[in-house]
Protein backbone atom coordinates (compact mmCIF):
# COMPACT_ATOMS: atom_id res chain seq x y z
CA UNK A 1 -1.96 21.31 -1.35
CA UNK A 2 -5.47 22.34 -0.48
CA UNK A 3 -6.38 22.58 3.16
CA UNK A 4 -9.31 20.14 2.96
CA UNK A 5 -7.10 17.49 1.33
CA UNK A 6 -4.44 17.95 3.98
CA UNK A 7 -7.05 17.64 6.72
CA UNK A 8 -8.34 14.40 5.18
CA UNK A 9 -4.78 13.09 5.18
CA UNK A 10 -4.26 14.07 8.80
CA UNK A 11 -7.37 12.15 9.85
CA UNK A 12 -6.00 9.02 8.19
CA UNK A 13 -2.46 8.59 9.47
CA UNK A 14 -1.78 5.69 7.15
CA UNK A 15 -2.51 7.80 4.06
CA UNK A 16 -0.30 10.61 5.35
CA UNK A 17 2.53 8.13 5.84
CA UNK A 18 1.99 6.79 2.32
CA UNK A 19 2.13 10.29 0.83
CA UNK A 20 5.35 10.97 2.72
CA UNK A 21 6.84 7.79 1.31
CA UNK A 22 5.65 8.67 -2.22
CA UNK A 23 6.06 12.45 -2.62
CA UNK A 24 4.71 12.40 -6.19
CA UNK A 25 1.26 12.31 -4.59
CA UNK A 26 1.80 15.82 -3.15
CA UNK A 27 1.98 17.20 -6.66
CA UNK A 28 -0.80 14.98 -7.95
CA UNK A 29 -3.22 16.01 -5.20
CA UNK A 30 -2.28 19.67 -5.49
CA UNK A 31 -3.05 19.65 -9.21
CA UNK A 32 -6.13 17.44 -9.10
CA UNK A 33 -7.78 16.83 -5.70
CA UNK A 34 -10.27 14.43 -7.27
CA UNK A 35 -7.49 11.81 -7.43
CA UNK A 36 -7.83 11.26 -3.68
CA UNK A 37 -9.72 8.01 -4.33
CA UNK A 38 -6.81 6.84 -6.50
CA UNK A 39 -4.49 7.64 -3.61
CA UNK A 40 -6.62 5.52 -1.29
CA UNK A 41 -6.56 2.60 -3.74
CA UNK A 42 -2.79 2.80 -4.14
CA UNK A 43 -2.27 3.03 -0.38
CA UNK A 44 -4.51 0.02 0.24
CA UNK A 45 -2.54 -1.97 -2.32
CA UNK A 46 0.77 -0.80 -0.81
CA UNK A 47 -0.27 -1.80 2.71
CA UNK A 48 -1.79 -5.11 1.58
CA UNK A 49 -5.37 -4.27 2.43
CA UNK A 50 -7.08 -5.31 -0.78
CA UNK A 51 -9.40 -8.30 -0.69
CA UNK A 52 -7.17 -10.61 -2.77
CA UNK A 53 -4.16 -9.73 -0.62
CA UNK A 54 -6.06 -10.42 2.59
CA UNK A 55 -7.31 -13.75 1.25
CA UNK A 56 -3.73 -14.64 0.32
CA UNK A 57 -2.50 -13.71 3.79
CA UNK A 58 -5.24 -15.80 5.38
CA UNK A 59 -4.32 -18.75 3.16
CA UNK A 60 -0.66 -18.39 4.14
CA UNK A 61 -1.57 -18.35 7.82
CA UNK A 62 -3.82 -21.35 7.38
CA UNK A 63 -1.08 -23.34 5.66
CA UNK A 64 1.36 -22.38 8.45
CA UNK A 65 -1.05 -23.66 11.10
CA UNK A 66 -1.55 -26.85 9.11
CA UNK A 67 2.22 -27.35 8.88
CA UNK A 68 2.60 -26.82 12.65
CA UNK A 69 -0.14 -29.37 13.35
CA UNK A 70 1.55 -31.91 11.08
CA UNK A 71 4.90 -31.26 12.75
CA UNK A 72 3.34 -31.73 16.21
CA UNK A 73 1.79 -35.03 15.08
CA UNK A 74 5.14 -36.21 13.69
CA UNK A 75 6.91 -35.37 16.95
CA UNK A 76 4.26 -37.15 18.99
CA UNK A 77 4.60 -40.40 17.00
């Protein structure tokens, strides 16, 4: 792997962890360093950091809060 690619991975600990979990990326980056943006996209999807995933997580949290409020109202009555 090229030194500049490895340094970029070291600066972003999350990407380095992703590459260690998916060793195929070592070979991919060694052969074609321009796929680094693809690596970032895959890592964001893996860690749930894409916009649709974050919206889904927010919706899940919102429904959980709503359920807790309803449960508190039911216990109060």
